[in-house]
């Protein structure tokens, strides 16, 4: 019995097309806009609470009305990439600076 060969480029193309269609469907149905609309409603509700608290003369703290959506996506791999990039940047900056110092000394008569 012969073993069927799997066509890897075809499988990759089908998966990428499926991802594209899912993203296209989400864009067309307004999924992203709906999420942003929900954030706007929360903001409007916080504004109404703030206005009511101001008119009632309550003590007001900013943290009660503002929600933070910050998500920290850093991990060991991203931190390693960041440190590597910074080290490479410093190496190139210092290397080019030294190179141009040598070239400038060769060109000038000082």
Protein backbone atom coordinates (compact mmCIF):
# COMPACT_ATOMS: atom_id res chain seq x y z
CA UNK A 1 0.00 0.00 0.00
CA UNK A 2 1.42 3.34 -1.02
CA UNK A 3 1.64 6.15 1.47
CA UNK A 4 0.02 9.38 0.36
CA UNK A 5 2.30 12.40 0.39
CA UNK A 6 0.86 15.41 2.11
CA UNK A 7 1.05 18.55 0.06
CA UNK A 8 2.50 21.00 2.63
CA UNK A 9 2.15 24.20 0.53
CA UNK A 10 -1.51 23.37 -0.11
CA UNK A 11 -2.17 22.84 3.61
CA UNK A 12 -0.44 26.12 4.51
CA UNK A 13 -2.42 27.95 1.83
CA UNK A 14 -5.71 26.53 3.08
CA UNK A 15 -4.92 27.45 6.69
CA UNK A 16 -3.91 30.99 5.73
CA UNK A 17 -7.04 31.36 3.62
CA UNK A 18 -9.14 30.19 6.58
CA UNK A 19 -7.50 32.75 8.86
CA UNK A 20 -8.06 35.45 6.25
CA UNK A 21 -11.73 34.53 5.90
CA UNK A 22 -12.22 34.56 9.69
CA UNK A 23 -10.65 38.01 9.97
CA UNK A 24 -12.64 39.26 7.00
CA UNK A 25 -15.87 37.96 8.54
CA UNK A 26 -15.07 39.67 11.84
CA UNK A 27 -14.41 42.94 10.03
CA UNK A 28 -17.57 42.75 7.96
CA UNK A 29 -19.84 41.85 10.86
CA UNK A 30 -18.49 44.71 12.93
CA UNK A 31 -16.92 42.70 15.73
CA UNK A 32 -14.15 45.25 16.29
CA UNK A 33 -16.55 48.18 16.14
CA UNK A 34 -18.81 46.43 18.66
CA UNK A 35 -15.89 46.02 21.08
CA UNK A 36 -15.00 49.70 20.71
CA UNK A 37 -18.67 50.66 21.19
CA UNK A 38 -18.72 48.72 24.47
CA UNK A 39 -15.65 50.63 25.65
CA UNK A 40 -17.37 53.90 24.74
CA UNK A 41 -20.46 52.94 26.76
CA UNK A 42 -18.30 52.22 29.80
CA UNK A 43 -16.70 55.63 29.37
CA UNK A 44 -20.08 57.36 29.09
CA UNK A 45 -21.31 55.57 32.20
CA UNK A 46 -18.18 56.67 34.07
CA UNK A 47 -18.74 60.26 32.92
CA UNK A 48 -22.33 60.18 34.21
CA UNK A 49 -21.17 58.80 37.56
CA UNK A 50 -18.50 61.50 37.73
CA UNK A 51 -21.02 64.26 37.00
CA UNK A 52 -23.41 62.88 39.60
CA UNK A 53 -20.65 62.67 42.21
CA UNK A 54 -19.52 66.24 41.45
CA UNK A 55 -23.08 67.56 41.75
CA UNK A 56 -23.51 65.61 45.01
CA UNK A 57 -20.27 67.08 46.38
CA UNK A 58 -18.54 63.75 47.00
CA UNK A 59 -14.78 63.30 47.19
CA UNK A 60 -13.55 62.45 43.72
CA UNK A 61 -10.69 60.12 42.86
CA UNK A 62 -9.58 59.59 39.28
CA UNK A 63 -9.08 55.85 39.78
CA UNK A 64 -12.80 55.38 40.38
CA UNK A 65 -13.72 56.57 36.89
CA UNK A 66 -10.82 55.54 34.65
CA UNK A 67 -10.26 51.94 33.69
CA UNK A 68 -6.84 50.76 32.60
CA UNK A 69 -6.70 48.41 29.63
CA UNK A 70 -2.91 47.99 29.76
CA UNK A 71 -1.78 44.43 29.19
CA UNK A 72 1.82 43.43 29.70
CA UNK A 73 2.76 41.03 26.93
CA UNK A 74 6.42 40.79 27.85
CA UNK A 75 7.96 37.39 28.40
CA UNK A 76 11.46 35.92 28.42
CA UNK A 77 11.66 35.74 24.63
CA UNK A 78 10.49 39.32 24.06
CA UNK A 79 12.81 40.59 26.80
CA UNK A 80 15.71 38.72 25.19
CA UNK A 81 14.85 40.25 21.82
CA UNK A 82 14.67 43.71 23.36
CA UNK A 83 18.03 43.34 25.11
CA UNK A 84 19.61 41.91 21.96
CA UNK A 85 18.28 44.80 19.89
CA UNK A 86 19.52 47.38 22.38
CA UNK A 87 22.96 45.75 22.52
CA UNK A 88 23.16 45.62 18.73
CA UNK A 89 22.11 49.26 18.51
CA UNK A 90 24.80 50.31 21.00
CA UNK A 91 27.43 48.22 19.20
CA UNK A 92 26.58 49.69 15.82
CA UNK A 93 26.37 53.25 17.16
CA UNK A 94 29.73 53.01 18.93
CA UNK A 95 31.30 51.15 16.01
CA UNK A 96 30.18 53.69 13.44
CA UNK A 97 31.20 56.55 15.74
CA UNK A 98 34.69 55.09 16.10
CA UNK A 99 34.94 54.41 12.38
CA UNK A 100 34.03 57.99 11.50
CA UNK A 101 36.48 59.33 14.09
CA UNK A 102 39.27 57.38 12.40
CA UNK A 103 38.16 58.53 8.94
CA UNK A 104 37.94 62.16 10.11
CA UNK A 105 41.48 61.96 11.53
CA UNK A 106 42.72 60.56 8.24
CA UNK A 107 40.99 63.26 6.21
CA UNK A 108 41.84 66.29 8.35
CA UNK A 109 45.35 67.62 8.90
CA UNK A 110 45.15 67.90 12.70
